[in-house]
Amino acid sequence: MKSMRRRTALAVAREPAFARALQGCERQSPVLLPAAYAVLLHWLGFARQQVRLQTYAHLLESAEDVVEWVRGSLLTDYQRRLAPADFARFIDRYRERLLAVLGPVRPYLFTYDRLLLWGAKERL
């Protein structure tokens, strides 16, 4: 469902009222695929390394709580670019669209991924 959260935010950002206010800016994830980090670590001289994608789960009271959760992460770029009144409308529209997809689920299992990297260089 993570991609649904991102796709919904992007769809709201592309709505005419928000697209104008955002001047076409859309949040893109700066995170690379795990294999790309392994290659980067190799190029940087890390002979021993570990790159893994970890999925965490957090039980929320309801699907409605997802909006508050992503407000502090996924939606922060939009908040920086929008006036407070516009961001409040953005949140309302995001909530409306996202809950139409998620439904009235209680409790709601919220999952999120973290990319964990570790590397060690060989001693000379």
PDB file of N, CA and C in Angstrom:
ATOM      1  N   MET A   1       0.811  -1.197   0.000  1.00  0.00           N
ATOM      2  CA  MET A   1       0.000   0.000   0.000  1.00  0.00           C
ATOM      3  C   MET A   1       0.849   1.254   0.000  1.00  0.00           C
ATOM      4  N   LYS A   2       2.147   1.116   0.253  1.00  0.00           N
ATOM      5  CA  LYS A   2       2.998   2.297   0.268  1.00  0.00           C
ATOM      6  C   LYS A   2       2.924   3.033  -1.050  1.00  0.00           C
ATOM      7  N   SER A   3       3.003   2.311  -2.138  1.00  0.00           N
ATOM      8  CA  SER A   3       2.939   2.975  -3.432  1.00  0.00           C
ATOM      9  C   SER A   3       1.591   3.668  -3.633  1.00  0.00           C
ATOM     10  N   MET A   4       0.542   3.133  -3.046  1.00  0.00           N
ATOM     11  CA  MET A   4      -0.766   3.787  -3.134  1.00  0.00           C
ATOM     12  C   MET A   4      -0.718   5.134  -2.417  1.00  0.00           C
ATOM     13  N   ARG A   5      -0.032   5.203  -1.291  1.00  0.00           N
ATOM     14  CA  ARG A   5       0.091   6.474  -0.574  1.00  0.00           C
ATOM     15  C   ARG A   5       0.827   7.492  -1.441  1.00  0.00           C
ATOM     16  N   ARG A   6       1.896   7.065  -2.078  1.00  0.00           N
ATOM     17  CA  ARG A   6       2.664   7.963  -2.944  1.00  0.00           C
ATOM     18  C   ARG A   6       1.869   8.350  -4.183  1.00  0.00           C
ATOM     19  N   ARG A   7       1.236   7.366  -4.810  1.00  0.00           N
ATOM     20  CA  ARG A   7       0.454   7.656  -6.018  1.00  0.00           C
ATOM     21  C   ARG A   7      -0.690   8.617  -5.719  1.00  0.00           C
ATOM     22  N   THR A   8      -1.311   8.471  -4.564  1.00  0.00           N
ATOM     23  CA  THR A   8      -2.404   9.366  -4.189  1.00  0.00           C
ATOM     24  C   THR A   8      -1.893  10.786  -3.992  1.00  0.00           C
ATOM     25  N   ALA A   9      -0.766  10.949  -3.310  1.00  0.00           N
ATOM     26  CA  ALA A   9      -0.193  12.284  -3.109  1.00  0.00           C
ATOM     27  C   ALA A   9       0.152  12.918  -4.458  1.00  0.00           C
ATOM     28  N   LEU A  10       0.711  12.152  -5.356  1.00  0.00           N
ATOM     29  CA  LEU A  10       1.065  12.653  -6.678  1.00  0.00           C
ATOM     30  C   LEU A  10      -0.186  13.050  -7.465  1.00  0.00           C
ATOM     31  N   ALA A  11      -1.224  12.240  -7.374  1.00  0.00           N
ATOM     32  CA  ALA A  11      -2.472  12.554  -8.076  1.00  0.00           C
ATOM     33  C   ALA A  11      -3.082  13.851  -7.547  1.00  0.00           C
ATOM     34  N   VAL A  12      -3.055  14.049  -6.247  1.00  0.00           N
ATOM     35  CA  VAL A  12      -3.584  15.291  -5.671  1.00  0.00           C
ATOM     36  C   VAL A  12      -2.719  16.466  -6.117  1.00  0.00           C
ATOM     37  N   ALA A  13      -1.405  16.305  -6.093  1.00  0.00           N
ATOM     38  CA  ALA A  13      -0.501  17.385  -6.520  1.00  0.00           C
ATOM     39  C   ALA A  13      -0.722  17.770  -7.974  1.00  0.00           C
ATOM     40  N   ARG A  14      -1.198  16.837  -8.779  1.00  0.00           N
ATOM     41  CA  ARG A  14      -1.428  17.111 -10.201  1.00  0.00           C
ATOM     42  C   ARG A  14      -2.800  17.711 -10.483  1.00  0.00           C
ATOM     43  N   GLU A  15      -3.676  17.756  -9.490  1.00  0.00           N
ATOM     44  CA  GLU A  15      -4.972  18.404  -9.690  1.00  0.00           C
ATOM     45  C   GLU A  15      -4.729  19.888  -9.969  1.00  0.00           C
ATOM     46  N   PRO A  16      -5.484  20.476 -10.894  1.00  0.00           N
ATOM     47  CA  PRO A  16      -5.198  21.849 -11.337  1.00  0.00           C
ATOM     48  C   PRO A  16      -4.973  22.873 -10.217  1.00  0.00           C
ATOM     49  N   ALA A  17      -5.799  22.876  -9.214  1.00  0.00           N
ATOM     50  CA  ALA A  17      -5.644  23.877  -8.142  1.00  0.00           C
ATOM     51  C   ALA A  17      -4.304  23.731  -7.427  1.00  0.00           C
ATOM     52  N   PHE A  18      -3.880  22.510  -7.179  1.00  0.00           N
ATOM     53  CA  PHE A  18      -2.620  22.288  -6.472  1.00  0.00           C
ATOM     54  C   PHE A  18      -1.427  22.382  -7.414  1.00  0.00           C
ATOM     55  N   ALA A  19      -1.572  21.921  -8.637  1.00  0.00           N
ATOM     56  CA  ALA A  19      -0.472  21.997  -9.602  1.00  0.00           C
ATOM     57  C   ALA A  19      -0.045  23.442  -9.812  1.00  0.00           C
ATOM     58  N   ARG A  20      -1.014  24.348  -9.888  1.00  0.00           N
ATOM     59  CA  ARG A  20      -0.675  25.777 -10.033  1.00  0.00           C
ATOM     60  C   ARG A  20       0.086  26.281  -8.817  1.00  0.00           C
ATOM     61  N   ALA A  21      -0.416  25.978  -7.641  1.00  0.00           N
ATOM     62  CA  ALA A  21       0.228  26.450  -6.410  1.00  0.00           C
ATOM     63  C   ALA A  21       1.618  25.829  -6.226  1.00  0.00           C
ATOM     64  N   LEU A  22       1.774  24.598  -6.662  1.00  0.00           N
ATOM     65  CA  LEU A  22       3.062  23.912  -6.545  1.00  0.00           C
ATOM     66  C   LEU A  22       4.000  24.226  -7.702  1.00  0.00           C
ATOM     67  N   GLN A  23       3.492  24.931  -8.698  1.00  0.00           N
ATOM     68  CA  GLN A  23       4.266  25.292  -9.893  1.00  0.00           C
ATOM     69  C   GLN A  23       4.877  24.052 -10.549  1.00  0.00           C
ATOM     70  N   GLY A  24       4.103  22.979 -10.552  1.00  0.00           N
ATOM     71  CA  GLY A  24       4.536  21.754 -11.221  1.00  0.00           C
ATOM     72  C   GLY A  24       5.480  20.877 -10.423  1.00  0.00           C
ATOM     73  N   CYS A  25       5.865  21.282  -9.214  1.00  0.00           N
ATOM     74  CA  CYS A  25       6.772  20.462  -8.402  1.00  0.00           C
ATOM     75  C   CYS A  25       6.032  19.232  -7.901  1.00  0.00           C
ATOM     76  N   GLU A  26       6.668  18.097  -8.019  1.00  0.00           N
ATOM     77  CA  GLU A  26       6.111  16.836  -7.534  1.00  0.00           C
ATOM     78  C   GLU A  26       7.183  16.119  -6.741  1.00  0.00           C
ATOM     79  N   ARG A  27       6.801  15.565  -5.614  1.00  0.00           N
ATOM     80  CA  ARG A  27       7.779  14.866  -4.777  1.00  0.00           C
ATOM     81  C   ARG A  27       8.177  13.552  -5.441  1.00  0.00           C
ATOM     82  N   GLN A  28       9.451  13.386  -5.625  1.00  0.00           N
ATOM     83  CA  GLN A  28       9.991  12.142  -6.146  1.00  0.00           C
ATOM     84  C   GLN A  28      10.853  11.520  -5.064  1.00  0.00           C
ATOM     85  N   SER A  29      10.783  10.234  -4.914  1.00  0.00           N
ATOM     86  CA  SER A  29      11.579   9.559  -3.897  1.00  0.00           C
ATOM     87  C   SER A  29      13.050   9.554  -4.305  1.00  0.00           C
ATOM     88  N   PRO A  30      13.928  10.024  -3.420  1.00  0.00           N
ATOM     89  CA  PRO A  30      15.353  10.027  -3.727  1.00  0.00           C
ATOM     90  C   PRO A  30      16.026   8.687  -3.439  1.00  0.00           C
ATOM     91  N   VAL A  31      15.266   7.699  -2.993  1.00  0.00           N
ATOM     92  CA  VAL A  31      15.832   6.418  -2.585  1.00  0.00           C
ATOM     93  C   VAL A  31      16.047   5.533  -3.802  1.00  0.00           C
ATOM     94  N   LEU A  32      17.246   4.989  -3.898  1.00  0.00           N
ATOM     95  CA  LEU A  32      17.598   4.079  -4.989  1.00  0.00           C
ATOM     96  C   LEU A  32      17.178   2.656  -4.632  1.00  0.00           C
ATOM     97  N   LEU A  33      17.243   1.772  -5.597  1.00  0.00           N
ATOM     98  CA  LEU A  33      17.008   0.351  -5.330  1.00  0.00           C
ATOM     99  C   LEU A  33      18.161  -0.196  -4.489  1.00  0.00           C
ATOM    100  N   PRO A  34      17.917  -1.207  -3.652  1.00  0.00           N
ATOM    101  CA  PRO A  34      18.980  -1.740  -2.801  1.00  0.00           C
ATOM    102  C   PRO A  34      20.242  -2.141  -3.572  1.00  0.00           C
ATOM    103  N   ALA A  35      20.093  -2.762  -4.730  1.00  0.00           N
ATOM    104  CA  ALA A  35      21.265  -3.185  -5.505  1.00  0.00           C
ATOM    105  C   ALA A  35      22.142  -2.001  -5.911  1.00  0.00           C
ATOM    106  N   ALA A  36      21.540  -0.845  -6.139  1.00  0.00           N
ATOM    107  CA  ALA A  36      22.323   0.340  -6.507  1.00  0.00           C
ATOM    108  C   ALA A  36      23.225   0.771  -5.354  1.00  0.00           C
ATOM    109  N   TYR A  37      22.751   0.632  -4.130  1.00  0.00           N
ATOM    110  CA  TYR A  37      23.579   0.974  -2.972  1.00  0.00           C
ATOM    111  C   TYR A  37      24.742  -0.002  -2.820  1.00  0.00           C
ATOM    112  N   ALA A  38      24.522  -1.271  -3.142  1.00  0.00           N
ATOM    113  CA  ALA A  38      25.602  -2.249  -3.098  1.00  0.00           C
ATOM    114  C   ALA A  38      26.698  -1.865  -4.093  1.00  0.00           C
ATOM    115  N   VAL A  39      26.296  -1.446  -5.277  1.00  0.00           N
ATOM    116  CA  VAL A  39      27.272  -1.018  -6.282  1.00  0.00           C
ATOM    117  C   VAL A  39      28.016   0.225  -5.803  1.00  0.00           C
ATOM    118  N   LEU A  40      27.302   1.188  -5.259  1.00  0.00           N
ATOM    119  CA  LEU A  40      27.950   2.402  -4.750  1.00  0.00           C
ATOM    120  C   LEU A  40      28.942   2.083  -3.639  1.00  0.00           C
ATOM    121  N   LEU A  41      28.559   1.224  -2.717  1.00  0.00           N
ATOM    122  CA  LEU A  41      29.480   0.833  -1.653  1.00  0.00           C
ATOM    123  C   LEU A  41      30.725   0.163  -2.231  1.00  0.00           C
ATOM    124  N   HIS A  42      30.544  -0.670  -3.233  1.00  0.00           N
ATOM    125  CA  HIS A  42      31.681  -1.319  -3.900  1.00  0.00           C
ATOM    126  C   HIS A  42      32.605  -0.272  -4.518  1.00  0.00           C
ATOM    127  N   TRP A  43      32.045   0.666  -5.249  1.00  0.00           N
ATOM    128  CA  TRP A  43      32.852   1.722  -5.880  1.00  0.00           C
ATOM    129  C   TRP A  43      33.597   2.572  -4.845  1.00  0.00           C
ATOM    130  N   LEU A  44      33.020   2.689  -3.664  1.00  0.00           N
ATOM    131  CA  LEU A  44      33.653   3.471  -2.597  1.00  0.00           C
ATOM    132  C   LEU A  44      34.679   2.660  -1.806  1.00  0.00           C
ATOM    133  N   GLY A  45      34.877   1.409  -2.207  1.00  0.00           N
ATOM    134  CA  GLY A  45      35.916   0.597  -1.598  1.00  0.00           C
ATOM    135  C   GLY A  45      35.485  -0.264  -0.426  1.00  0.00           C
ATOM    136  N   PHE A  46      34.202  -0.449  -0.241  1.00  0.00           N
ATOM    137  CA  PHE A  46      33.733  -1.294   0.852  1.00  0.00           C
ATOM    138  C   PHE A  46      33.693  -2.745   0.377  1.00  0.00           C
ATOM    139  N   ALA A  47      34.727  -3.503   0.759  1.00  0.00           N
ATOM    140  CA  ALA A  47      34.850  -4.890   0.310  1.00  0.00           C
ATOM    141  C   ALA A  47      33.796  -5.773   0.957  1.00  0.00           C
ATOM    142  N   ARG A  48      33.519  -5.519   2.222  1.00  0.00           N
ATOM    143  CA  ARG A  48      32.471  -6.263   2.925  1.00  0.00           C
ATOM    144  C   ARG A  48      31.296  -5.310   3.101  1.00  0.00           C
ATOM    145  N   GLN A  49      30.126  -5.821   2.814  1.00  0.00           N
ATOM    146  CA  GLN A  49      28.956  -4.941   2.899  1.00  0.00           C
ATOM    147  C   GLN A  49      27.684  -5.753   3.076  1.00  0.00           C
ATOM    148  N   GLN A  50      26.682  -5.037   3.524  1.00  0.00           N
ATOM    149  CA  GLN A  50      25.357  -5.630   3.620  1.00  0.00           C
ATOM    150  C   GLN A  50      24.348  -4.523   3.307  1.00  0.00           C
ATOM    151  N   VAL A  51      23.453  -4.812   2.401  1.00  0.00           N
ATOM    152  CA  VAL A  51      22.385  -3.885   2.035  1.00  0.00           C
ATOM    153  C   VAL A  51      21.090  -4.675   2.110  1.00  0.00           C
ATOM    154  N   ARG A  52      20.152  -4.163   2.908  1.00  0.00           N
ATOM    155  CA  ARG A  52      18.891  -4.900   2.993  1.00  0.00           C
ATOM    156  C   ARG A  52      17.720  -3.937   3.152  1.00  0.00           C
ATOM    157  N   LEU A  53      16.611  -4.401   2.675  1.00  0.00           N
ATOM    158  CA  LEU A  53      15.362  -3.662   2.790  1.00  0.00           C
ATOM    159  C   LEU A  53      14.563  -4.320   3.908  1.00  0.00           C
ATOM    160  N   GLN A  54      14.216  -3.536   4.908  1.00  0.00           N
ATOM    161  CA  GLN A  54      13.465  -4.033   6.062  1.00  0.00           C
ATOM    162  C   GLN A  54      12.074  -3.407   6.040  1.00  0.00           C
ATOM    163  N   THR A  55      11.050  -4.224   6.137  1.00  0.00           N
ATOM    164  CA  THR A  55       9.682  -3.720   6.222  1.00  0.00           C
ATOM    165  C   THR A  55       9.236  -3.784   7.678  1.00  0.00           C
ATOM    166  N   TYR A  56       8.787  -2.643   8.162  1.00  0.00           N
ATOM    167  CA  TYR A  56       8.264  -2.548   9.526  1.00  0.00           C
ATOM    168  C   TYR A  56       6.750  -2.436   9.454  1.00  0.00           C
ATOM    169  N   ALA A  57       6.089  -2.866  10.501  1.00  0.00           N
ATOM    170  CA  ALA A  57       4.634  -2.787  10.566  1.00  0.00           C
ATOM    171  C   ALA A  57       4.239  -2.068  11.854  1.00  0.00           C
ATOM    172  N   HIS A  58       3.279  -1.188  11.720  1.00  0.00           N
ATOM    173  CA  HIS A  58       2.769  -0.444  12.871  1.00  0.00           C
ATOM    174  C   HIS A  58       1.251  -0.502  12.810  1.00  0.00           C
ATOM    175  N   LEU A  59       0.651  -0.942  13.867  1.00  0.00           N
ATOM    176  CA  LEU A  59      -0.799  -1.068  13.898  1.00  0.00           C
ATOM    177  C   LEU A  59      -1.415   0.273  14.298  1.00  0.00           C
ATOM    178  N   LEU A  60      -2.183   0.849  13.389  1.00  0.00           N
ATOM    179  CA  LEU A  60      -2.874   2.111  13.646  1.00  0.00           C
ATOM    180  C   LEU A  60      -4.325   1.808  14.018  1.00  0.00           C
ATOM    181  N   GLU A  61      -4.932   2.735  14.722  1.00  0.00           N
ATOM    182  CA  GLU A  61      -6.318   2.547  15.141  1.00  0.00           C
ATOM    183  C   GLU A  61      -7.248   2.385  13.943  1.00  0.00           C
ATOM    184  N   SER A  62      -6.992   3.173  12.891  1.00  0.00           N
ATOM    185  CA  SER A  62      -7.838   3.082  11.699  1.00  0.00           C
ATOM    186  C   SER A  62      -7.065   3.553  10.480  1.00  0.00           C
ATOM    187  N   ALA A  63      -7.631   3.313   9.307  1.00  0.00           N
ATOM    188  CA  ALA A  63      -7.007   3.783   8.064  1.00  0.00           C
ATOM    189  C   ALA A  63      -6.916   5.303   8.037  1.00  0.00           C
ATOM    190  N   GLU A  64      -7.811   5.972   8.722  1.00  0.00           N
ATOM    191  CA  GLU A  64      -7.783   7.438   8.774  1.00  0.00           C
ATOM    192  C   GLU A  64      -6.487   7.954   9.394  1.00  0.00           C
ATOM    193  N   ASP A  65      -5.878   7.176  10.271  1.00  0.00           N
ATOM    194  CA  ASP A  65      -4.637   7.590  10.929  1.00  0.00           C
ATOM    195  C   ASP A  65      -3.439   7.578   9.985  1.00  0.00           C
ATOM    196  N   VAL A  66      -3.566   6.937   8.841  1.00  0.00           N
ATOM    197  CA  VAL A  66      -2.485   6.929   7.858  1.00  0.00           C
ATOM    198  C   VAL A  66      -2.151   8.353   7.431  1.00  0.00           C
ATOM    199  N   VAL A  67      -3.151   9.179   7.271  1.00  0.00           N
ATOM    200  CA  VAL A  67      -2.930  10.560   6.813  1.00  0.00           C
ATOM    201  C   VAL A  67      -2.026  11.301   7.795  1.00  0.00           C
ATOM    202  N   GLU A  68      -2.278  11.173   9.071  1.00  0.00           N
ATOM    203  CA  GLU A  68      -1.432  11.856  10.059  1.00  0.00           C
ATOM    204  C   GLU A  68      -0.022  11.288  10.054  1.00  0.00           C
ATOM    205  N   TRP A  69       0.107   9.982   9.826  1.00  0.00           N
ATOM    206  CA  TRP A  69       1.426   9.358   9.808  1.00  0.00           C
ATOM    207  C   TRP A  69       2.261   9.919   8.653  1.00  0.00           C
ATOM    208  N   VAL A  70       1.692   9.952   7.458  1.00  0.00           N
ATOM    209  CA  VAL A  70       2.466  10.392   6.293  1.00  0.00           C
ATOM    210  C   VAL A  70       2.588  11.913   6.215  1.00  0.00           C
ATOM    211  N   ARG A  71       1.815  12.602   6.997  1.00  0.00           N
ATOM    212  CA  ARG A  71       1.913  14.065   7.042  1.00  0.00           C
ATOM    213  C   ARG A  71       3.316  14.496   7.480  1.00  0.00           C
ATOM    214  N   GLY A  72       3.950  13.703   8.330  1.00  0.00           N
ATOM    215  CA  GLY A  72       5.288  14.021   8.818  1.00  0.00           C
ATOM    216  C   GLY A  72       6.407  13.433   7.981  1.00  0.00           C
ATOM    217  N   SER A  73       6.077  12.815   6.862  1.00  0.00           N
ATOM    218  CA  SER A  73       7.124  12.232   6.010  1.00  0.00           C
ATOM    219  C   SER A  73       6.825  12.527   4.541  1.00  0.00           C
ATOM    220  N   LEU A  74       6.006  11.723   3.939  1.00  0.00           N
ATOM    221  CA  LEU A  74       5.689  11.837   2.514  1.00  0.00           C
ATOM    222  C   LEU A  74       5.177  13.221   2.118  1.00  0.00           C
ATOM    223  N   LEU A  75       4.377  13.840   2.960  1.00  0.00           N
ATOM    224  CA  LEU A  75       3.716  15.093   2.578  1.00  0.00           C
ATOM    225  C   LEU A  75       4.489  16.357   2.958  1.00  0.00           C
ATOM    226  N   THR A  76       5.647  16.213   3.599  1.00  0.00           N
ATOM    227  CA  THR A  76       6.375  17.405   4.048  1.00  0.00           C
ATOM    228  C   THR A  76       6.858  18.286   2.896  1.00  0.00           C
ATOM    229  N   ASP A  77       7.238  17.699   1.776  1.00  0.00           N
ATOM    230  CA  ASP A  77       7.667  18.514   0.626  1.00  0.00           C
ATOM    231  C   ASP A  77       6.527  19.389   0.126  1.00  0.00           C
ATOM    232  N   TYR A  78       5.330  18.850   0.111  1.00  0.00           N
ATOM    233  CA  TYR A  78       4.174  19.637  -0.322  1.00  0.00           C
ATOM    234  C   TYR A  78       3.870  20.738   0.693  1.00  0.00           C
ATOM    235  N   GLN A  79       4.024  20.437   1.958  1.00  0.00           N
ATOM    236  CA  GLN A  79       3.775  21.444   2.991  1.00  0.00           C
ATOM    237  C   GLN A  79       4.744  22.623   2.862  1.00  0.00           C
ATOM    238  N   ARG A  80       6.001  22.334   2.555  1.00  0.00           N
ATOM    239  CA  ARG A  80       6.995  23.408   2.377  1.00  0.00           C
ATOM    240  C   ARG A  80       6.658  24.323   1.205  1.00  0.00           C
ATOM    241  N   ARG A  81       6.039  23.768   0.185  1.00  0.00           N
ATOM    242  CA  ARG A  81       5.784  24.519  -1.044  1.00  0.00           C
ATOM    243  C   ARG A  81       4.420  25.219  -1.085  1.00  0.00           C
ATOM    244  N   LEU A  82       3.528  24.832  -0.195  1.00  0.00           N
ATOM    245  CA  LEU A  82       2.173  25.385  -0.217  1.00  0.00           C
ATOM    246  C   LEU A  82       1.946  26.350   0.947  1.00  0.00           C
ATOM    247  N   ALA A  83       1.140  27.348   0.705  1.00  0.00           N
ATOM    248  CA  ALA A  83       0.701  28.235   1.788  1.00  0.00           C
ATOM    249  C   ALA A  83      -0.108  27.394   2.774  1.00  0.00           C
ATOM    250  N   PRO A  84      -0.140  27.785   4.050  1.00  0.00           N
ATOM    251  CA  PRO A  84      -0.861  26.983   5.047  1.00  0.00           C
ATOM    252  C   PRO A  84      -2.304  26.643   4.649  1.00  0.00           C
ATOM    253  N   ALA A  85      -3.046  27.596   4.116  1.00  0.00           N
ATOM    254  CA  ALA A  85      -4.436  27.315   3.721  1.00  0.00           C
ATOM    255  C   ALA A  85      -4.486  26.313   2.572  1.00  0.00           C
ATOM    256  N   ASP A  86      -3.556  26.439   1.622  1.00  0.00           N
ATOM    257  CA  ASP A  86      -3.508  25.499   0.493  1.00  0.00           C
ATOM    258  C   ASP A  86      -3.116  24.106   0.967  1.00  0.00           C
ATOM    259  N   PHE A  87      -2.182  24.038   1.917  1.00  0.00           N
ATOM    260  CA  PHE A  87      -1.777  22.726   2.427  1.00  0.00           C
ATOM    261  C   PHE A  87      -2.931  22.064   3.185  1.00  0.00           C
ATOM    262  N   ALA A  88      -3.694  22.845   3.927  1.00  0.00           N
ATOM    263  CA  ALA A  88      -4.864  22.293   4.630  1.00  0.00           C
ATOM    264  C   ALA A  88      -5.843  21.693   3.627  1.00  0.00           C
ATOM    265  N   ARG A  89      -6.060  22.365   2.502  1.00  0.00           N
ATOM    266  CA  ARG A  89      -6.944  21.828   1.448  1.00  0.00           C
ATOM    267  C   ARG A  89      -6.314  20.584   0.809  1.00  0.00           C
ATOM    268  N   PHE A  90      -4.983  20.609   0.637  1.00  0.00           N
ATOM    269  CA  PHE A  90      -4.263  19.459   0.085  1.00  0.00           C
ATOM    270  C   PHE A  90      -4.481  18.236   0.980  1.00  0.00           C
ATOM    271  N   ILE A  91      -4.319  18.417   2.290  1.00  0.00           N
ATOM    272  CA  ILE A  91      -4.509  17.315   3.243  1.00  0.00           C
ATOM    273  C   ILE A  91      -5.940  16.781   3.175  1.00  0.00           C
ATOM    274  N   ASP A  92      -6.901  17.683   3.127  1.00  0.00           N
ATOM    275  CA  ASP A  92      -8.308  17.248   3.051  1.00  0.00           C
ATOM    276  C   ASP A  92      -8.549  16.423   1.793  1.00  0.00           C
ATOM    277  N   ARG A  93      -8.024  16.878   0.672  1.00  0.00           N
ATOM    278  CA  ARG A  93      -8.210  16.161  -0.597  1.00  0.00           C
ATOM    279  C   ARG A  93      -7.465  14.819  -0.583  1.00  0.00           C
ATOM    280  N   TYR A  94      -6.259  14.835  -0.036  1.00  0.00           N
ATOM    281  CA  TYR A  94      -5.473  13.600   0.084  1.00  0.00           C
ATOM    282  C   TYR A  94      -6.240  12.581   0.937  1.00  0.00           C
ATOM    283  N   ARG A  95      -6.754  13.037   2.072  1.00  0.00           N
ATOM    284  CA  ARG A  95      -7.524  12.154   2.956  1.00  0.00           C
ATOM    285  C   ARG A  95      -8.714  11.550   2.204  1.00  0.00           C
ATOM    286  N   GLU A  96      -9.433  12.405   1.499  1.00  0.00           N
ATOM    287  CA  GLU A  96     -10.610  11.953   0.748  1.00  0.00           C
ATOM    288  C   GLU A  96     -10.245  10.878  -0.275  1.00  0.00           C
ATOM    289  N   ARG A  97      -9.204  11.138  -1.043  1.00  0.00           N
ATOM    290  CA  ARG A  97      -8.819  10.185  -2.097  1.00  0.00           C
ATOM    291  C   ARG A  97      -8.227   8.902  -1.530  1.00  0.00           C
ATOM    292  N   LEU A  98      -7.384   9.033  -0.501  1.00  0.00           N
ATOM    293  CA  LEU A  98      -6.738   7.851   0.054  1.00  0.00           C
ATOM    294  C   LEU A  98      -7.751   6.940   0.754  1.00  0.00           C
ATOM    295  N   LEU A  99      -8.635   7.526   1.527  1.00  0.00           N
ATOM    296  CA  LEU A  99      -9.614   6.702   2.247  1.00  0.00           C
ATOM    297  C   LEU A  99     -10.618   6.053   1.306  1.00  0.00           C
ATOM    298  N   ALA A 100     -10.834   6.647   0.146  1.00  0.00           N
ATOM    299  CA  ALA A 100     -11.696   6.009  -0.856  1.00  0.00           C
ATOM    300  C   ALA A 100     -11.076   4.698  -1.330  1.00  0.00           C
ATOM    301  N   VAL A 101      -9.753   4.628  -1.310  1.00  0.00           N
ATOM    302  CA  VAL A 101      -9.052   3.412  -1.733  1.00  0.00           C
ATOM    303  C   VAL A 101      -8.884   2.433  -0.558  1.00  0.00           C
ATOM    304  N   LEU A 102      -8.472   2.953   0.596  1.00  0.00           N
ATOM    305  CA  LEU A 102      -8.195   2.082   1.740  1.00  0.00           C
ATOM    306  C   LEU A 102      -9.453   1.542   2.401  1.00  0.00           C
ATOM    307  N   GLY A 103     -10.504   2.334   2.406  1.00  0.00           N
ATOM    308  CA  GLY A 103     -11.733   1.919   3.056  1.00  0.00           C
ATOM    309  C   GLY A 103     -11.678   2.133   4.559  1.00  0.00           C
ATOM    310  N   PRO A 104     -12.771   1.802   5.249  1.00  0.00           N
ATOM    311  CA  PRO A 104     -12.865   2.038   6.691  1.00  0.00           C
ATOM    312  C   PRO A 104     -12.263   0.895   7.518  1.00  0.00           C
ATOM    313  N   VAL A 105     -10.998   0.626   7.327  1.00  0.00           N
ATOM    314  CA  VAL A 105     -10.339  -0.493   7.997  1.00  0.00           C
ATOM    315  C   VAL A 105      -9.985  -0.113   9.442  1.00  0.00           C
ATOM    316  N   ARG A 106     -10.369  -0.983  10.381  1.00  0.00           N
ATOM    317  CA  ARG A 106     -10.057  -0.796  11.811  1.00  0.00           C
ATOM    318  C   ARG A 106      -9.689  -2.145  12.408  1.00  0.00           C
ATOM    319  N   PRO A 107      -8.583  -2.334  13.003  1.00  0.00           N
ATOM    320  CA  PRO A 107      -7.393  -1.492  12.943  1.00  0.00           C
ATOM    321  C   PRO A 107      -6.748  -1.596  11.563  1.00  0.00           C
ATOM    322  N   TYR A 108      -5.789  -0.725  11.313  1.00  0.00           N
ATOM    323  CA  TYR A 108      -5.127  -0.690  10.015  1.00  0.00           C
ATOM    324  C   TYR A 108      -3.647  -1.007  10.210  1.00  0.00           C
ATOM    325  N   LEU A 109      -3.146  -1.980   9.449  1.00  0.00           N
ATOM    326  CA  LEU A 109      -1.724  -2.329   9.521  1.00  0.00           C
ATOM    327  C   LEU A 109      -0.955  -1.443   8.549  1.00  0.00           C
ATOM    328  N   PHE A 110      -0.209  -0.521   9.097  1.00  0.00           N
ATOM    329  CA  PHE A 110       0.586   0.423   8.311  1.00  0.00           C
ATOM    330  C   PHE A 110       1.990  -0.151   8.172  1.00  0.00           C
ATOM    331  N   THR A 111       2.438  -0.341   6.950  1.00  0.00           N
ATOM    332  CA  THR A 111       3.780  -0.858   6.722  1.00  0.00           C
ATOM    333  C   THR A 111       4.648   0.217   6.090  1.00  0.00           C
ATOM    334  N   TYR A 112       5.926   0.191   6.441  1.00  0.00           N
ATOM    335  CA  TYR A 112       6.873   1.129   5.834  1.00  0.00           C
ATOM    336  C   TYR A 112       8.236   0.449   5.750  1.00  0.00           C
ATOM    337  N   ASP A 113       8.965   0.810   4.729  1.00  0.00           N
ATOM    338  CA  ASP A 113      10.266   0.201   4.452  1.00  0.00           C
ATOM    339  C   ASP A 113      11.401   1.109   4.906  1.00  0.00           C
ATOM    340  N   ARG A 114      12.491   0.483   5.324  1.00  0.00           N
ATOM    341  CA  ARG A 114      13.726   1.189   5.628  1.00  0.00           C
ATOM    342  C   ARG A 114      14.844   0.417   4.946  1.00  0.00           C
ATOM    343  N   LEU A 115      15.747   1.176   4.351  1.00  0.00           N
ATOM    344  CA  LEU A 115      16.907   0.593   3.700  1.00  0.00           C
ATOM    345  C   LEU A 115      18.069   0.676   4.680  1.00  0.00           C
ATOM    346  N   LEU A 116      18.660  -0.467   5.002  1.00  0.00           N
ATOM    347  CA  LEU A 116      19.747  -0.530   5.986  1.00  0.00           C
ATOM    348  C   LEU A 116      21.037  -0.918   5.280  1.00  0.00           C
ATOM    349  N   LEU A 117      22.071  -0.121   5.495  1.00  0.00           N
ATOM    350  CA  LEU A 117      23.358  -0.326   4.828  1.00  0.00           C
ATOM    351  C   LEU A 117      24.458  -0.512   5.864  1.00  0.00           C
ATOM    352  N   TRP A 118      25.415  -1.345   5.534  1.00  0.00           N
ATOM    353  CA  TRP A 118      26.586  -1.547   6.360  1.00  0.00           C
ATOM    354  C   TRP A 118      27.737  -1.873   5.441  1.00  0.00           C
ATOM    355  N   GLY A 119      28.898  -1.332   5.720  1.00  0.00           N
ATOM    356  CA  GLY A 119      30.062  -1.642   4.907  1.00  0.00           C
ATOM    357  C   GLY A 119      31.333  -1.498   5.706  1.00  0.00           C
ATOM    358  N   ALA A 120      32.352  -2.276   5.329  1.00  0.00           N
ATOM    359  CA  ALA A 120      33.665  -2.198   5.976  1.00  0.00           C
ATOM    360  C   ALA A 120      34.725  -2.252   4.886  1.00  0.00           C
ATOM    361  N   LYS A 121      35.711  -1.379   5.015  1.00  0.00           N
ATOM    362  CA  LYS A 121      36.830  -1.384   4.072  1.00  0.00           C
ATOM    363  C   LYS A 121      37.923  -2.316   4.617  1.00  0.00           C
ATOM    364  N   GLU A 122      38.647  -2.907   3.693  1.00  0.00           N
ATOM    365  CA  GLU A 122      39.764  -3.764   4.089  1.00  0.00           C
ATOM    366  C   GLU A 122      40.882  -2.880   4.626  1.00  0.00           C
ATOM    367  N   ARG A 123      41.535  -3.358   5.675  1.00  0.00           N
ATOM    368  CA  ARG A 123      42.680  -2.631   6.230  1.00  0.00           C
ATOM    369  C   ARG A 123      43.908  -2.910   5.397  1.00  0.00           C
ATOM    370  N   LEU A 124      44.717  -1.882   5.229  1.00  0.00           N
ATOM    371  CA  LEU A 124      45.968  -2.053   4.465  1.00  0.00           C
ATOM    372  C   LEU A 124      47.112  -2.464   5.339  1.00  0.00           C
TER     373      LEU A 124
END
